[in-house]
Amino acid sequence: MFAITYRIIFLYIAAGLVVVSGLLIGTLGLPFGIDFTGGSLTEVAYPTTMPAQSEVEAIVSAQVSAGFSVRVATDEAGRPAYMIRTPDLSDEARASLTDALTALADDSEITRFTTIGPVIGQELRDKAVWAIGGVVLIIILYVAFAFAGIGTPVSSWTYGGITIVVLAHDVLIPTALMSVLGYTMGAEIDVLFVMALLAILGYSVNDTIVVFDRVREKLVANRTEHKTSVTEVGGLVRETVTYTLHRPYDELVGEAVQETLARSINTSLTTSLALMALYFVGGSVTQTFALILLAGVLAGTYSSICIASPLLVAYAKWRNHA
């Protein structure tokens, strides 16, 4: 199987993607939206006469002293609009701002207004971190339990650890994409982004476990079990079980990847088609969500084929020579 034969190349590619993603996130930062920072978000549409952005910024600046941003957007009806982010506004300040914005054009319309306090924003951020951390912990425990007793040549905890390494790769790449989108297009991290990450985690671990489960089947079918009884101090008899593989481990893993390759590609293809339809046909609210999910699906497909199994073989070879 090519993924095992050329595993060093694929692992270097994965390492390069992780390094580039980390540099992008570290350099560009993460564009947290008001869901996590608190504040007010106002969307005003101008169907026919779109005022200059400098005019809108001047109006907002007169109402809000600092900490605001104005970017060009499109509302759900596809009309040109401005998305204005400000600190939390009182009812009087909100009314004054909307009156000034709608006065710029006769057919202008406030199409959205959202306000979130800083306390709620911090609570949402904490819950997002706990949700992602909880999912990762449950995945480790599940994989370790599901693969208990696999024994040779690596332990069940190794499968769990490699699964988490793969998940880190799959989450880092769409996060870096979000960082680029925030820098170039003004996109912001909101609750939908967290939902996308959780969906990516579930998709990726499912794909990886399918491959690992086929590896387990290959190991069980190609090994001999040896039981040894040892009498310890006090007359306690302890039984140990060891295994001898009939075929090389890398060959078995390669066959497992080969047999699940069509399934992984077909699943990725059909999911990608649905996400592309959501991106091009769906509303502007779900476009970023669909794009982040698409990046995660592609990263998850690559990692389940070209990272997870090659890491298993690389670790097994290192362990035998350590």
Protein backbone atom coordinates (compact mmCIF):
# COMPACT_ATOMS: atom_id res chain seq x y z
CA MET A 1 0.00 0.00 0.00
CA PHE A 2 1.42 3.36 -1.10
CA ALA A 3 0.51 5.11 2.19
CA ILE A 4 2.73 2.70 4.13
CA THR A 5 5.50 2.38 1.53
CA TYR A 6 5.92 6.16 1.26
CA ARG A 7 4.92 6.93 4.83
CA ILE A 8 7.90 9.20 5.48
CA ILE A 9 6.87 11.49 2.61
CA PHE A 10 3.25 11.66 3.78
CA LEU A 11 4.27 12.31 7.38
CA TYR A 12 6.58 15.12 6.29
CA ILE A 13 3.74 16.65 4.27
CA ALA A 14 1.48 16.46 7.34
CA ALA A 15 4.18 18.01 9.53
CA GLY A 16 4.59 20.83 6.98
CA LEU A 17 0.84 21.50 6.96
CA VAL A 18 0.78 21.61 10.76
CA VAL A 19 3.76 24.01 10.89
CA VAL A 20 2.26 26.32 8.24
CA SER A 21 -1.12 26.26 9.99
CA GLY A 22 0.49 27.09 13.33
CA LEU A 23 2.43 29.98 11.78
CA LEU A 24 -0.72 31.38 10.14
CA ILE A 25 -2.65 31.23 13.40
CA GLY A 26 0.23 32.71 15.37
CA THR A 27 0.83 35.49 12.84
CA LEU A 28 -2.73 36.42 11.84
CA GLY A 29 -4.44 35.54 15.11
CA LEU A 30 -7.95 34.20 15.59
CA PRO A 31 -10.82 36.59 14.73
CA PHE A 32 -13.17 35.97 17.66
CA GLY A 33 -16.66 37.35 17.08
CA ILE A 34 -19.03 38.91 19.55
CA ASP A 35 -20.22 35.43 20.57
CA PHE A 36 -16.96 35.14 22.52
CA THR A 37 -15.86 38.74 23.12
CA GLY A 38 -19.21 40.40 23.78
CA GLY A 39 -20.51 43.49 22.02
CA SER A 40 -23.09 44.48 19.42
CA LEU A 41 -23.35 43.54 15.77
CA THR A 42 -25.45 45.62 13.38
CA GLU A 43 -26.13 44.76 9.75
CA VAL A 44 -27.56 47.49 7.55
CA ALA A 45 -28.53 46.80 3.92
CA TYR A 46 -28.44 49.35 1.09
CA PRO A 47 -30.26 47.71 -1.86
CA THR A 48 -29.78 50.47 -4.44
CA THR A 49 -27.43 53.19 -3.17
CA MET A 50 -24.40 51.86 -1.32
CA PRO A 51 -22.67 54.65 0.63
CA ALA A 52 -18.90 54.74 0.87
CA GLN A 53 -17.38 52.78 3.70
CA SER A 54 -15.66 55.93 4.96
CA GLU A 55 -19.09 57.59 5.41
CA VAL A 56 -20.34 54.69 7.50
CA GLU A 57 -17.14 54.65 9.56
CA ALA A 58 -17.50 58.38 10.22
CA ILE A 59 -21.05 57.90 11.52
CA VAL A 60 -20.06 54.99 13.74
CA SER A 61 -17.03 56.92 15.00
CA ALA A 62 -19.29 59.80 16.04
CA GLN A 63 -21.49 57.40 18.03
CA VAL A 64 -18.80 55.05 19.40
CA SER A 65 -15.50 56.38 20.65
CA ALA A 66 -13.35 53.27 19.94
CA GLY A 67 -13.34 49.51 19.43
CA PHE A 68 -15.52 49.26 16.33
CA SER A 69 -15.15 47.78 12.86
CA VAL A 70 -17.05 48.19 9.59
CA ARG A 71 -16.85 45.70 6.74
CA VAL A 72 -18.70 45.13 3.48
CA ALA A 73 -21.10 42.19 3.59
CA THR A 74 -24.17 40.69 1.93
CA ASP A 75 -27.41 40.11 3.78
CA GLU A 76 -29.48 36.92 3.59
CA ALA A 77 -31.43 38.32 0.63
CA GLY A 78 -28.19 38.87 -1.30
CA ARG A 79 -28.32 42.65 -1.03
CA PRO A 80 -25.18 44.76 -0.39
CA ALA A 81 -24.77 45.67 3.25
CA TYR A 82 -22.35 46.74 5.95
CA MET A 83 -21.58 44.66 9.02
CA ILE A 84 -20.79 46.94 11.97
CA ARG A 85 -19.27 45.60 15.16
CA THR A 86 -19.24 47.83 18.23
CA PRO A 87 -18.98 47.51 22.00
CA ASP A 88 -22.22 46.71 23.83
CA LEU A 89 -24.73 49.51 23.08
CA SER A 90 -27.48 50.86 25.26
CA ASP A 91 -30.99 51.24 23.83
CA GLU A 92 -30.47 54.96 23.32
CA ALA A 93 -27.10 54.51 21.60
CA ARG A 94 -28.48 51.76 19.39
CA ALA A 95 -31.43 53.92 18.32
CA SER A 96 -29.17 56.86 17.58
CA LEU A 97 -26.78 54.70 15.53
CA THR A 98 -29.50 53.01 13.48
CA ASP A 99 -31.18 56.34 12.73
CA ALA A 100 -27.89 57.77 11.47
CA LEU A 101 -27.14 54.70 9.34
CA THR A 102 -30.56 54.49 7.72
CA ALA A 103 -30.47 58.22 6.94
CA LEU A 104 -27.69 57.57 4.39
CA ALA A 105 -30.18 56.10 1.87
CA ASP A 106 -33.95 56.12 1.47
CA ASP A 107 -34.29 52.35 1.04
CA SER A 108 -31.76 51.33 3.73
CA GLU A 109 -32.81 48.70 6.24
CA ILE A 110 -31.43 47.31 9.49
CA THR A 111 -31.50 43.59 8.73
CA ARG A 112 -29.82 42.28 11.87
CA PHE A 113 -28.91 43.42 15.35
CA THR A 114 -27.26 41.16 17.90
CA THR A 115 -25.87 42.07 21.29
CA ILE A 116 -24.01 39.84 23.74
CA GLY A 117 -22.62 40.95 27.08
CA PRO A 118 -18.96 40.25 27.98
CA VAL A 119 -19.96 37.83 30.76
CA ILE A 120 -22.03 35.71 28.38
CA GLY A 121 -19.24 35.87 25.81
CA GLN A 122 -16.71 34.53 28.32
CA GLU A 123 -19.17 31.80 29.34
CA LEU A 124 -19.61 30.74 25.72
CA ARG A 125 -15.84 30.63 25.25
CA ASP A 126 -15.37 28.47 28.35
CA LYS A 127 -18.14 26.11 27.27
CA ALA A 128 -16.60 25.79 23.82
CA VAL A 129 -13.23 24.84 25.32
CA TRP A 130 -14.86 22.32 27.68
CA ALA A 131 -16.91 20.82 24.84
CA ILE A 132 -13.88 20.26 22.60
CA GLY A 133 -11.75 19.00 25.51
CA GLY A 134 -14.52 16.64 26.63
CA VAL A 135 -14.90 15.18 23.15
CA VAL A 136 -11.14 14.58 22.88
CA LEU A 137 -11.01 12.86 26.29
CA ILE A 138 -13.98 10.61 25.48
CA ILE A 139 -12.38 9.65 22.17
CA ILE A 140 -9.14 8.62 23.89
CA LEU A 141 -10.99 6.48 26.43
CA TYR A 142 -13.26 4.94 23.81
CA VAL A 143 -10.43 3.96 21.46
CA ALA A 144 -8.35 2.56 24.32
CA PHE A 145 -11.34 0.49 25.50
CA ALA A 146 -12.41 -0.63 22.01
CA PHE A 147 -8.90 -1.82 21.14
CA ALA A 148 -8.12 -3.36 24.55
CA GLY A 149 -6.28 -6.66 24.22
CA ILE A 150 -4.94 -5.98 20.75
CA GLY A 151 -1.49 -6.38 22.24
CA THR A 152 0.91 -6.79 19.35
CA PRO A 153 2.98 -4.93 18.39
CA VAL A 154 1.55 -1.74 19.96
CA SER A 155 -0.88 -1.24 22.85
CA SER A 156 -4.46 0.00 22.65
CA TRP A 157 -3.41 3.32 24.22
CA THR A 158 -1.15 3.88 21.22
CA TYR A 159 -4.15 3.72 18.91
CA GLY A 160 -5.90 6.28 21.12
CA GLY A 161 -2.86 8.57 21.20
CA ILE A 162 -2.41 8.45 17.42
CA THR A 163 -6.11 9.19 16.97
CA ILE A 164 -5.68 12.39 19.00
CA VAL A 165 -2.57 13.38 17.01
CA VAL A 166 -4.61 12.96 13.83
CA LEU A 167 -7.48 14.99 15.29
CA ALA A 168 -5.09 17.81 16.14
CA HIS A 169 -4.01 17.89 12.48
CA ASP A 170 -7.62 17.87 11.28
CA VAL A 171 -8.66 20.73 13.58
CA LEU A 172 -5.57 22.88 13.08
CA ILE A 173 -5.97 23.15 9.30
CA PRO A 174 -9.56 24.53 9.29
CA THR A 175 -8.63 26.80 12.21
CA ALA A 176 -5.78 28.22 10.13
CA LEU A 177 -8.22 28.69 7.24
CA MET A 178 -10.51 30.61 9.58
CA SER A 179 -7.59 32.80 10.57
CA VAL A 180 -6.90 33.58 6.89
CA LEU A 181 -10.59 34.27 6.22
CA GLY A 182 -10.69 36.62 9.19
CA TYR A 183 -7.64 38.51 7.93
CA THR A 184 -8.70 38.74 4.28
CA MET A 185 -12.51 38.80 4.39
CA GLY A 186 -13.38 39.87 7.92
CA ALA A 187 -14.90 36.51 8.91
CA GLU A 188 -15.28 35.96 12.65
CA ILE A 189 -15.28 32.94 14.92
CA ASP A 190 -18.77 32.29 16.28
CA VAL A 191 -20.78 29.39 17.66
CA LEU A 192 -21.16 27.93 14.16
CA PHE A 193 -17.38 27.61 13.94
CA VAL A 194 -17.31 25.63 17.18
CA MET A 195 -20.07 23.40 15.82
CA ALA A 196 -18.00 22.87 12.67
CA LEU A 197 -14.96 21.83 14.73
CA LEU A 198 -17.04 19.35 16.75
CA ALA A 199 -18.46 17.90 13.52
CA ILE A 200 -14.93 17.60 12.11
CA LEU A 201 -13.80 15.77 15.25
CA GLY A 202 -16.63 13.27 14.89
CA TYR A 203 -16.09 12.80 11.16
CA SER A 204 -12.34 12.37 11.46
CA VAL A 205 -12.38 9.93 14.37
CA ASN A 206 -15.01 7.82 12.59
CA ASP A 207 -12.85 7.59 9.47
CA THR A 208 -9.73 6.75 11.48
CA ILE A 209 -11.41 4.12 13.64
CA VAL A 210 -12.77 2.35 10.55
CA VAL A 211 -9.18 1.90 9.33
CA PHE A 212 -7.94 0.89 12.79
CA ASP A 213 -10.75 -1.63 13.18
CA ARG A 214 -9.71 -3.28 9.92
CA VAL A 215 -6.13 -3.37 11.24
CA ARG A 216 -7.41 -5.18 14.33
CA GLU A 217 -9.23 -7.73 12.19
CA LYS A 218 -6.03 -8.38 10.24
CA LEU A 219 -4.04 -8.83 13.45
CA VAL A 220 -6.53 -11.28 14.96
CA ALA A 221 -6.60 -13.35 11.75
CA ASN A 222 -2.81 -13.46 11.39
CA ARG A 223 -1.42 -14.21 14.84
CA THR A 224 -0.82 -17.09 17.23
CA GLU A 225 -1.73 -16.72 20.89
CA HIS A 226 0.65 -17.95 23.62
CA LYS A 227 -0.52 -18.27 27.21
CA THR A 228 1.93 -18.54 30.09
CA SER A 229 1.07 -19.13 33.74
CA VAL A 230 3.36 -17.63 36.36
CA THR A 231 3.10 -18.47 40.06
CA GLU A 232 3.86 -15.44 42.17
CA VAL A 233 4.70 -15.12 45.84
CA GLY A 234 1.83 -16.40 47.97
CA GLY A 235 0.72 -18.97 45.41
CA LEU A 236 -1.13 -16.51 43.20
CA VAL A 237 -1.17 -17.73 39.60
CA ARG A 238 -1.07 -15.01 36.97
CA GLU A 239 -1.64 -15.73 33.30
CA THR A 240 0.11 -13.70 30.63
CA VAL A 241 -0.80 -13.69 26.95
CA THR A 242 1.62 -12.94 24.12
CA TYR A 243 1.13 -13.03 20.37
CA THR A 244 3.26 -13.95 17.38
CA LEU A 245 2.37 -12.41 14.03
CA HIS A 246 2.51 -14.63 10.95
CA ARG A 247 3.06 -11.69 8.63
CA PRO A 248 4.86 -8.32 8.97
CA TYR A 249 2.89 -5.64 10.78
CA ASP A 250 3.38 -3.02 8.05
CA GLU A 251 2.02 -5.44 5.47
CA LEU A 252 -1.13 -6.04 7.51
CA VAL A 253 -1.66 -2.31 8.09
CA GLY A 254 -1.15 -1.64 4.38
CA GLU A 255 -3.79 -4.18 3.46
CA ALA A 256 -6.21 -2.65 5.98
CA VAL A 257 -5.74 0.80 4.43
CA GLN A 258 -6.12 -0.61 0.92
CA GLU A 259 -9.40 -2.35 1.81
CA THR A 260 -10.91 0.80 3.36
CA LEU A 261 -9.54 3.26 0.79
CA ALA A 262 -12.59 3.25 -1.49
CA ARG A 263 -14.92 3.71 1.48
CA SER A 264 -12.92 6.70 2.78
CA ILE A 265 -12.74 8.42 -0.61
CA ASN A 266 -16.43 7.85 -1.42
CA THR A 267 -17.52 9.17 1.98
CA SER A 268 -15.32 12.23 1.59
CA LEU A 269 -16.54 12.86 -1.97
CA THR A 270 -20.24 12.70 -1.16
CA THR A 271 -19.81 14.86 1.95
CA SER A 272 -17.76 17.40 -0.01
CA LEU A 273 -20.42 17.64 -2.72
CA ALA A 274 -23.08 18.39 -0.11
CA LEU A 275 -20.88 21.02 1.54
CA MET A 276 -20.06 22.69 -1.79
CA ALA A 277 -23.77 22.87 -2.57
CA LEU A 278 -24.35 24.47 0.85
CA TYR A 279 -21.53 26.96 0.19
CA PHE A 280 -22.66 28.05 -3.29
CA VAL A 281 -26.44 27.79 -2.89
CA GLY A 282 -26.90 28.40 0.85
CA GLY A 283 -27.13 31.77 2.54
CA SER A 284 -24.19 33.94 3.52
CA VAL A 285 -24.60 32.92 7.17
CA THR A 286 -23.67 29.30 6.42
CA GLN A 287 -20.98 29.90 3.80
CA THR A 288 -18.09 30.12 6.24
CA PHE A 289 -19.50 27.15 8.18
CA ALA A 290 -19.59 25.05 4.99
CA LEU A 291 -16.09 26.11 3.94
CA ILE A 292 -14.58 25.26 7.33
CA LEU A 293 -16.34 21.87 7.32
CA LEU A 294 -15.09 21.19 3.80
CA ALA A 295 -11.50 21.90 4.84
CA GLY A 296 -11.93 19.62 7.85
CA VAL A 297 -13.38 16.79 5.74
CA LEU A 298 -10.50 16.94 3.27
CA ALA A 299 -7.95 17.09 6.09
CA GLY A 300 -9.67 14.17 7.84
CA THR A 301 -9.62 12.03 4.71
CA TYR A 302 -5.92 12.69 4.19
CA SER A 303 -5.08 12.00 7.82
CA SER A 304 -7.00 8.73 8.08
CA ILE A 305 -5.22 7.35 5.01
CA CYS A 306 -1.80 9.00 5.03
CA ILE A 307 -1.13 9.87 8.68
CA ALA A 308 -2.84 7.53 11.15
CA SER A 309 -1.75 4.19 9.69
CA PRO A 310 1.77 5.34 8.71
CA LEU A 311 2.20 6.62 12.29
CA LEU A 312 1.21 3.17 13.59
CA VAL A 313 3.85 1.49 11.46
CA ALA A 314 6.49 4.12 12.24
CA TYR A 315 5.88 3.76 15.99
CA ALA A 316 5.91 -0.04 15.82
CA LYS A 317 9.25 -0.03 13.98
CA TRP A 318 10.70 2.51 16.41
CA ARG A 319 9.48 0.44 19.37
CA ASN A 320 11.05 -2.75 18.05
CA HIS A 321 14.38 -1.02 17.53
CA ALA A 322 14.34 1.11 20.70
